[in-house]
Amino acid sequence: MSEFKKGDKVTWESHGNTVKGTVEEKITSDTEAAGRTVRASKDDPQYRVVSDKSGNDAVHKPDSLKKKS
């Protein structure tokens, strides 16, 4: 499983497009983020990311994010 930290530059797929953004936080417990309830745990974390283009928040599982080189 991939590990990311705050400030990492990443990409993800959204509606058929590749989106570039930055990791803001690792979520390891159930919380509200990006306008929805996020189910997460230490064993199954999710990451809050911010789009470089729109500035919108999104939450993704680590396997849907790719670190930009």
N, C-alpha and C. Protein backbone atom coordinates (compact mmCIF):
# COMPACT_ATOMS: atom_id res chain seq x y z
N MET A 1 0.84 -1.19 0.00
CA MET A 1 0.00 0.00 0.00
C MET A 1 0.88 1.25 0.00
N SER A 2 0.51 2.23 -0.77
CA SER A 2 1.27 3.47 -0.87
C SER A 2 1.07 4.33 0.37
N GLU A 3 2.12 5.00 0.79
CA GLU A 3 2.06 5.96 1.89
C GLU A 3 2.33 7.35 1.33
N PHE A 4 1.55 8.31 1.75
CA PHE A 4 1.73 9.70 1.33
C PHE A 4 1.82 10.56 2.57
N LYS A 5 2.43 11.73 2.41
CA LYS A 5 2.49 12.67 3.53
C LYS A 5 2.06 14.05 3.04
N LYS A 6 1.72 14.91 4.00
CA LYS A 6 1.27 16.26 3.67
C LYS A 6 2.30 16.94 2.78
N GLY A 7 1.81 17.55 1.70
CA GLY A 7 2.69 18.26 0.78
C GLY A 7 3.08 17.45 -0.44
N ASP A 8 2.85 16.12 -0.41
CA ASP A 8 3.19 15.29 -1.57
C ASP A 8 2.33 15.71 -2.77
N LYS A 9 2.96 15.81 -3.93
CA LYS A 9 2.25 16.10 -5.18
C LYS A 9 1.78 14.77 -5.77
N VAL A 10 0.47 14.69 -6.06
CA VAL A 10 -0.11 13.45 -6.55
C VAL A 10 -1.05 13.72 -7.73
N THR A 11 -1.42 12.64 -8.41
CA THR A 11 -2.44 12.71 -9.45
C THR A 11 -3.47 11.63 -9.16
N TRP A 12 -4.71 11.84 -9.69
CA TRP A 12 -5.76 10.84 -9.57
C TRP A 12 -6.71 11.01 -10.73
N GLU A 13 -7.50 9.99 -10.98
CA GLU A 13 -8.48 10.02 -12.07
C GLU A 13 -9.82 10.50 -11.54
N SER A 14 -10.43 11.44 -12.25
CA SER A 14 -11.76 11.94 -11.89
C SER A 14 -12.55 12.18 -13.16
N HIS A 15 -13.62 11.44 -13.34
CA HIS A 15 -14.49 11.58 -14.50
C HIS A 15 -13.71 11.51 -15.81
N GLY A 16 -12.77 10.59 -15.89
CA GLY A 16 -12.02 10.37 -17.11
C GLY A 16 -10.85 11.32 -17.32
N ASN A 17 -10.63 12.23 -16.39
CA ASN A 17 -9.51 13.16 -16.50
C ASN A 17 -8.49 12.90 -15.39
N THR A 18 -7.23 13.21 -15.67
CA THR A 18 -6.20 13.13 -14.65
C THR A 18 -6.12 14.47 -13.94
N VAL A 19 -6.26 14.43 -12.62
CA VAL A 19 -6.24 15.64 -11.80
C VAL A 19 -4.94 15.68 -11.01
N LYS A 20 -4.32 16.86 -10.95
CA LYS A 20 -3.10 17.06 -10.17
C LYS A 20 -3.44 17.80 -8.89
N GLY A 21 -2.78 17.42 -7.81
CA GLY A 21 -3.05 18.11 -6.55
C GLY A 21 -2.02 17.79 -5.50
N THR A 22 -2.36 18.18 -4.26
CA THR A 22 -1.45 18.06 -3.14
C THR A 22 -2.15 17.36 -1.98
N VAL A 23 -1.43 16.45 -1.33
CA VAL A 23 -1.96 15.78 -0.15
C VAL A 23 -2.00 16.78 1.01
N GLU A 24 -3.16 16.90 1.65
CA GLU A 24 -3.33 17.80 2.79
C GLU A 24 -3.27 17.06 4.12
N GLU A 25 -3.84 15.84 4.16
CA GLU A 25 -3.80 15.08 5.41
C GLU A 25 -4.13 13.63 5.17
N LYS A 26 -3.62 12.79 6.08
CA LYS A 26 -3.95 11.38 6.12
C LYS A 26 -5.09 11.23 7.12
N ILE A 27 -6.17 10.56 6.71
CA ILE A 27 -7.33 10.37 7.57
C ILE A 27 -7.32 8.92 8.06
N THR A 28 -7.32 8.75 9.39
CA THR A 28 -7.24 7.40 9.96
C THR A 28 -8.41 7.08 10.88
N SER A 29 -9.46 7.90 10.85
CA SER A 29 -10.68 7.59 11.61
C SER A 29 -11.88 8.18 10.86
N ASP A 30 -13.07 7.69 11.18
CA ASP A 30 -14.26 8.20 10.52
C ASP A 30 -14.40 9.69 10.79
N THR A 31 -14.65 10.47 9.73
CA THR A 31 -14.71 11.93 9.87
C THR A 31 -15.54 12.52 8.73
N GLU A 32 -15.77 13.81 8.80
CA GLU A 32 -16.41 14.54 7.71
C GLU A 32 -15.31 15.27 6.94
N ALA A 33 -15.26 15.06 5.64
CA ALA A 33 -14.27 15.75 4.80
C ALA A 33 -14.79 15.81 3.38
N ALA A 34 -14.45 16.87 2.68
CA ALA A 34 -14.84 17.06 1.28
C ALA A 34 -16.35 16.92 1.10
N GLY A 35 -17.11 17.35 2.13
CA GLY A 35 -18.55 17.36 2.02
C GLY A 35 -19.24 16.01 2.18
N ARG A 36 -18.52 15.04 2.73
CA ARG A 36 -19.14 13.72 2.92
C ARG A 36 -18.53 13.03 4.13
N THR A 37 -19.18 11.95 4.57
CA THR A 37 -18.65 11.14 5.66
C THR A 37 -17.59 10.20 5.09
N VAL A 38 -16.41 10.22 5.68
CA VAL A 38 -15.30 9.39 5.24
C VAL A 38 -15.12 8.26 6.25
N ARG A 39 -15.15 7.03 5.77
CA ARG A 39 -14.91 5.87 6.61
C ARG A 39 -13.44 5.48 6.45
N ALA A 40 -12.68 5.63 7.52
CA ALA A 40 -11.25 5.33 7.46
C ALA A 40 -10.79 4.79 8.80
N SER A 41 -9.65 4.11 8.79
CA SER A 41 -9.04 3.60 10.01
C SER A 41 -7.52 3.58 9.81
N LYS A 42 -6.79 3.26 10.89
CA LYS A 42 -5.33 3.17 10.76
C LYS A 42 -4.94 2.10 9.74
N ASP A 43 -5.71 1.01 9.68
CA ASP A 43 -5.42 -0.07 8.73
C ASP A 43 -5.97 0.20 7.33
N ASP A 44 -6.90 1.13 7.22
CA ASP A 44 -7.53 1.45 5.93
C ASP A 44 -7.67 2.97 5.80
N PRO A 45 -6.52 3.69 5.70
CA PRO A 45 -6.56 5.15 5.68
C PRO A 45 -7.05 5.70 4.35
N GLN A 46 -7.45 6.96 4.38
CA GLN A 46 -7.74 7.70 3.16
C GLN A 46 -6.98 9.03 3.26
N TYR A 47 -6.88 9.72 2.12
CA TYR A 47 -6.12 10.96 2.07
C TYR A 47 -6.98 12.10 1.55
N ARG A 48 -6.94 13.24 2.25
CA ARG A 48 -7.60 14.45 1.75
C ARG A 48 -6.60 15.16 0.86
N VAL A 49 -7.02 15.43 -0.36
CA VAL A 49 -6.17 16.09 -1.35
C VAL A 49 -6.88 17.34 -1.85
N VAL A 50 -6.10 18.29 -2.34
CA VAL A 50 -6.65 19.53 -2.90
C VAL A 50 -6.19 19.63 -4.35
N SER A 51 -7.14 19.85 -5.25
CA SER A 51 -6.85 19.99 -6.67
C SER A 51 -6.06 21.28 -6.92
N ASP A 52 -4.97 21.17 -7.69
CA ASP A 52 -4.19 22.36 -8.07
C ASP A 52 -5.03 23.31 -8.91
N LYS A 53 -5.89 22.76 -9.77
CA LYS A 53 -6.64 23.57 -10.72
C LYS A 53 -7.85 24.26 -10.08
N SER A 54 -8.68 23.47 -9.37
CA SER A 54 -9.94 24.02 -8.85
C SER A 54 -9.85 24.46 -7.39
N GLY A 55 -8.87 23.92 -6.66
CA GLY A 55 -8.79 24.21 -5.23
C GLY A 55 -9.77 23.42 -4.39
N ASN A 56 -10.52 22.50 -5.03
CA ASN A 56 -11.51 21.70 -4.32
C ASN A 56 -10.86 20.57 -3.55
N ASP A 57 -11.46 20.24 -2.41
CA ASP A 57 -11.05 19.09 -1.61
C ASP A 57 -11.63 17.82 -2.21
N ALA A 58 -10.89 16.72 -2.06
CA ALA A 58 -11.39 15.39 -2.40
C ALA A 58 -10.74 14.42 -1.41
N VAL A 59 -11.35 13.28 -1.25
CA VAL A 59 -10.79 12.24 -0.39
C VAL A 59 -10.67 10.97 -1.21
N HIS A 60 -9.47 10.35 -1.14
CA HIS A 60 -9.21 9.15 -1.93
C HIS A 60 -8.49 8.10 -1.12
N LYS A 61 -8.73 6.85 -1.49
CA LYS A 61 -7.94 5.75 -0.93
C LYS A 61 -6.55 5.80 -1.56
N PRO A 62 -5.56 5.30 -0.84
CA PRO A 62 -4.18 5.41 -1.35
C PRO A 62 -3.95 4.74 -2.70
N ASP A 63 -4.68 3.65 -3.00
CA ASP A 63 -4.43 2.98 -4.28
C ASP A 63 -4.98 3.75 -5.48
N SER A 64 -5.75 4.81 -5.25
CA SER A 64 -6.23 5.63 -6.38
C SER A 64 -5.34 6.85 -6.63
N LEU A 65 -4.34 7.04 -5.77
CA LEU A 65 -3.41 8.17 -5.93
C LEU A 65 -2.08 7.70 -6.48
N LYS A 66 -1.46 8.54 -7.31
CA LYS A 66 -0.12 8.27 -7.83
C LYS A 66 0.77 9.45 -7.50
N LYS A 67 1.94 9.17 -6.95
CA LYS A 67 2.89 10.23 -6.63
C LYS A 67 3.48 10.79 -7.91
N LYS A 68 3.50 12.12 -8.03
CA LYS A 68 4.11 12.77 -9.20
C LYS A 68 5.61 12.78 -9.02
N SER A 69 6.33 12.51 -10.11
CA SER A 69 7.79 12.53 -10.01
C SER A 69 8.34 13.89 -10.34
